[in-house]
Each structure stands twice: as structure tokens, then as C-alpha cells.
Amino acid sequence: FVQDSGAQLLAVAIGNVHGRYKGEPKIHWDVLEAIHAESTVPLVLHGASGIAPADLSRSISFGVGKVNLNTELRTATLAALAGQLEGRRSDGQNVLGLLGDWERAVTEVVSATFVALRAT
């Protein structure tokens, strides 16, 4: 597939899912190892939200070069927004003025993830 399509990255499903997990993620390491052995391009974990930092770190040794943490980022953004709007009236609110808190919330999630990865 990679050769025929000219893909530069390959997104794989190995027990990871988009969104919140119902229970603990069950990563199929044997499948990831087999795909990595055949792949000539970096692998991507779409749906890396909820995967433990130690497992994200482990995935790197199997060729994963990109992870997507959209659920954590959206959760942080919505929490920042909820905190900003609490006790305020919405009329006349400067929506663009809210972006600074969103950016800080997302930066905290990404930073915490990378700190956790480095620690493993």
C-alpha cells in the first residue's frame, strides 16, 4: 500500500481508538511490530489519547513518529472555555480574547505529554 500510494506516513490501528476509551487501551504490540518490519515510512497513531506515556514512548521503538492527542486537546480547550465563561454573560464577549487561555491549556497538555515521554 505504501509503495503504491506514495504515502509518506502510515496511520495504523493497533487497538487504539479515537476519543475516550471504555476501559483501558489494549495495544496490539505484535501487530505494530509486524507493520514496522514491513513499513518504509514513519507510522502514526491516530487516536493516541488515553494511551499511557510509557506506551507512547514504547511505540517510538516500533517506528511511530507521530501521535494524535485530539481528545486531550479538546478537553483542555473546553475546560479553559468553561472557566472563562463561568459567571459571565455571553453577550458582548470577545471570542478572540478567549484564545489565549485555550492556547495555554493546549500547550500544558502537549508539554505534560512530552515531559512524561522523556521520563519513560
Protein backbone atom coordinates (compact mmCIF):
# COMPACT_ATOMS: atom_id res chain seq x y z
CA PHE A 1 0.00 0.00 0.00
CA VAL A 2 2.72 2.47 0.99
CA GLN A 3 4.71 1.86 -2.17
CA ASP A 4 1.69 2.00 -4.50
CA SER A 5 0.16 5.08 -2.87
CA GLY A 6 3.36 7.05 -2.32
CA ALA A 7 2.30 7.69 1.28
CA GLN A 8 4.90 9.41 3.43
CA LEU A 9 3.27 8.32 6.69
CA LEU A 10 1.08 5.36 7.57
CA ALA A 11 -1.67 5.64 10.18
CA VAL A 12 -2.24 2.32 11.90
CA ALA A 13 -4.94 0.92 14.14
CA ILE A 14 -3.43 -1.39 16.74
CA GLY A 15 -6.05 -1.30 19.47
CA ASN A 16 -6.02 2.49 19.69
CA VAL A 17 -9.23 4.44 19.11
CA HIS A 18 -10.35 7.99 18.52
CA GLY A 19 -11.95 9.65 21.51
CA ARG A 20 -12.32 8.35 25.04
CA TYR A 21 -11.73 4.71 25.84
CA LYS A 22 -14.25 2.48 27.50
CA GLY A 23 -11.77 0.79 29.81
CA GLU A 24 -8.03 0.59 29.28
CA PRO A 25 -6.44 0.70 25.81
CA LYS A 26 -5.29 -2.74 24.65
CA ILE A 27 -2.42 -2.07 22.27
CA HIS A 28 -1.50 -4.97 19.96
CA TRP A 29 2.26 -4.66 20.07
CA ASP A 30 2.75 -7.71 17.86
CA VAL A 31 0.73 -6.04 15.10
CA LEU A 32 2.67 -2.79 15.43
CA GLU A 33 5.96 -4.71 15.33
CA ALA A 34 4.89 -6.58 12.17
CA ILE A 35 3.77 -3.38 10.42
CA HIS A 36 7.01 -1.65 11.42
CA ALA A 37 9.05 -4.54 10.00
CA GLU A 38 7.34 -4.08 6.61
CA SER A 39 6.90 -0.31 6.51
CA THR A 40 9.37 2.03 4.89
CA VAL A 41 7.73 5.17 6.29
CA PRO A 42 7.08 6.53 9.81
CA LEU A 43 3.92 5.26 11.47
CA VAL A 44 1.17 7.37 13.01
CA LEU A 45 -1.10 6.63 15.95
CA HIS A 46 -4.41 8.27 15.22
CA GLY A 47 -6.29 8.05 18.46
CA ALA A 48 -3.37 8.20 20.87
CA SER A 49 -5.47 9.93 23.51
CA GLY A 50 -5.66 7.87 26.66
CA ILE A 51 -2.58 5.80 25.87
CA ALA A 52 -0.12 5.87 28.77
CA PRO A 53 3.06 7.89 28.21
CA ALA A 54 5.16 4.75 28.72
CA ASP A 55 3.25 3.07 25.89
CA LEU A 56 3.58 6.12 23.66
CA SER A 57 7.31 6.05 24.35
CA ARG A 58 7.43 2.34 23.58
CA SER A 59 5.61 2.91 20.28
CA ILE A 60 8.52 5.06 19.08
CA SER A 61 10.76 1.97 19.07
CA PHE A 62 8.29 0.43 16.60
CA GLY A 63 8.52 3.28 14.12
CA VAL A 64 5.80 5.60 15.40
CA GLY A 65 6.83 9.13 14.52
CA LYS A 66 3.55 10.97 15.07
CA VAL A 67 0.73 10.70 17.59
CA ASN A 68 -2.60 12.49 17.71
CA LEU A 69 -3.93 13.62 21.09
CA ASN A 70 -7.05 15.39 19.90
CA THR A 71 -9.30 14.28 22.76
CA GLU A 72 -6.95 15.66 25.44
CA LEU A 73 -6.51 18.89 23.49
CA ARG A 74 -10.25 19.39 23.03
CA THR A 75 -10.90 18.57 26.68
CA ALA A 76 -8.32 21.15 27.81
CA THR A 77 -9.74 23.76 25.42
CA LEU A 78 -13.32 23.21 26.58
CA ALA A 79 -12.26 23.31 30.25
CA ALA A 80 -10.47 26.62 29.65
CA LEU A 81 -13.55 27.99 27.91
CA ALA A 82 -15.87 26.83 30.68
CA GLY A 83 -13.64 28.52 33.24
CA GLN A 84 -13.66 31.75 31.28
CA LEU A 85 -17.42 31.83 30.83
CA GLU A 86 -18.33 30.84 34.36
CA GLY A 87 -20.23 33.72 35.94
CA ARG A 88 -20.09 35.86 32.79
CA ARG A 89 -22.80 36.89 30.43
CA SER A 90 -22.12 35.76 26.88
CA ASP A 91 -23.42 38.90 25.14
CA GLY A 92 -20.62 41.22 24.15
CA GLN A 93 -17.94 38.64 24.95
CA ASN A 94 -14.81 38.98 22.84
CA VAL A 95 -14.48 35.44 21.47
CA LEU A 96 -10.98 36.09 20.11
CA GLY A 97 -9.94 37.19 23.58
CA LEU A 98 -10.64 33.66 24.80
CA LEU A 99 -7.99 32.14 22.54
CA GLY A 100 -5.07 32.94 24.86
CA ASP A 101 -6.43 30.67 27.59
CA TRP A 102 -7.15 27.94 25.03
CA GLU A 103 -3.59 28.15 23.74
CA ARG A 104 -2.20 27.90 27.27
CA ALA A 105 -4.43 24.90 28.04
CA VAL A 106 -3.35 23.05 24.89
CA THR A 107 0.31 23.93 25.50
CA GLU A 108 0.06 22.46 29.01
CA VAL A 109 -1.33 19.16 27.67
CA VAL A 110 1.35 18.88 24.98
CA SER A 111 4.12 19.86 27.39
CA ALA A 112 2.95 17.38 30.03
CA THR A 113 2.84 14.62 27.42
CA PHE A 114 6.39 15.30 26.26
CA VAL A 115 7.69 15.56 29.83
CA ALA A 116 6.07 12.19 30.57
CA LEU A 117 7.58 10.69 27.42
CA ARG A 118 11.05 11.87 28.34
CA ALA A 119 10.67 10.37 31.81
CA THR A 120 9.98 6.89 30.41
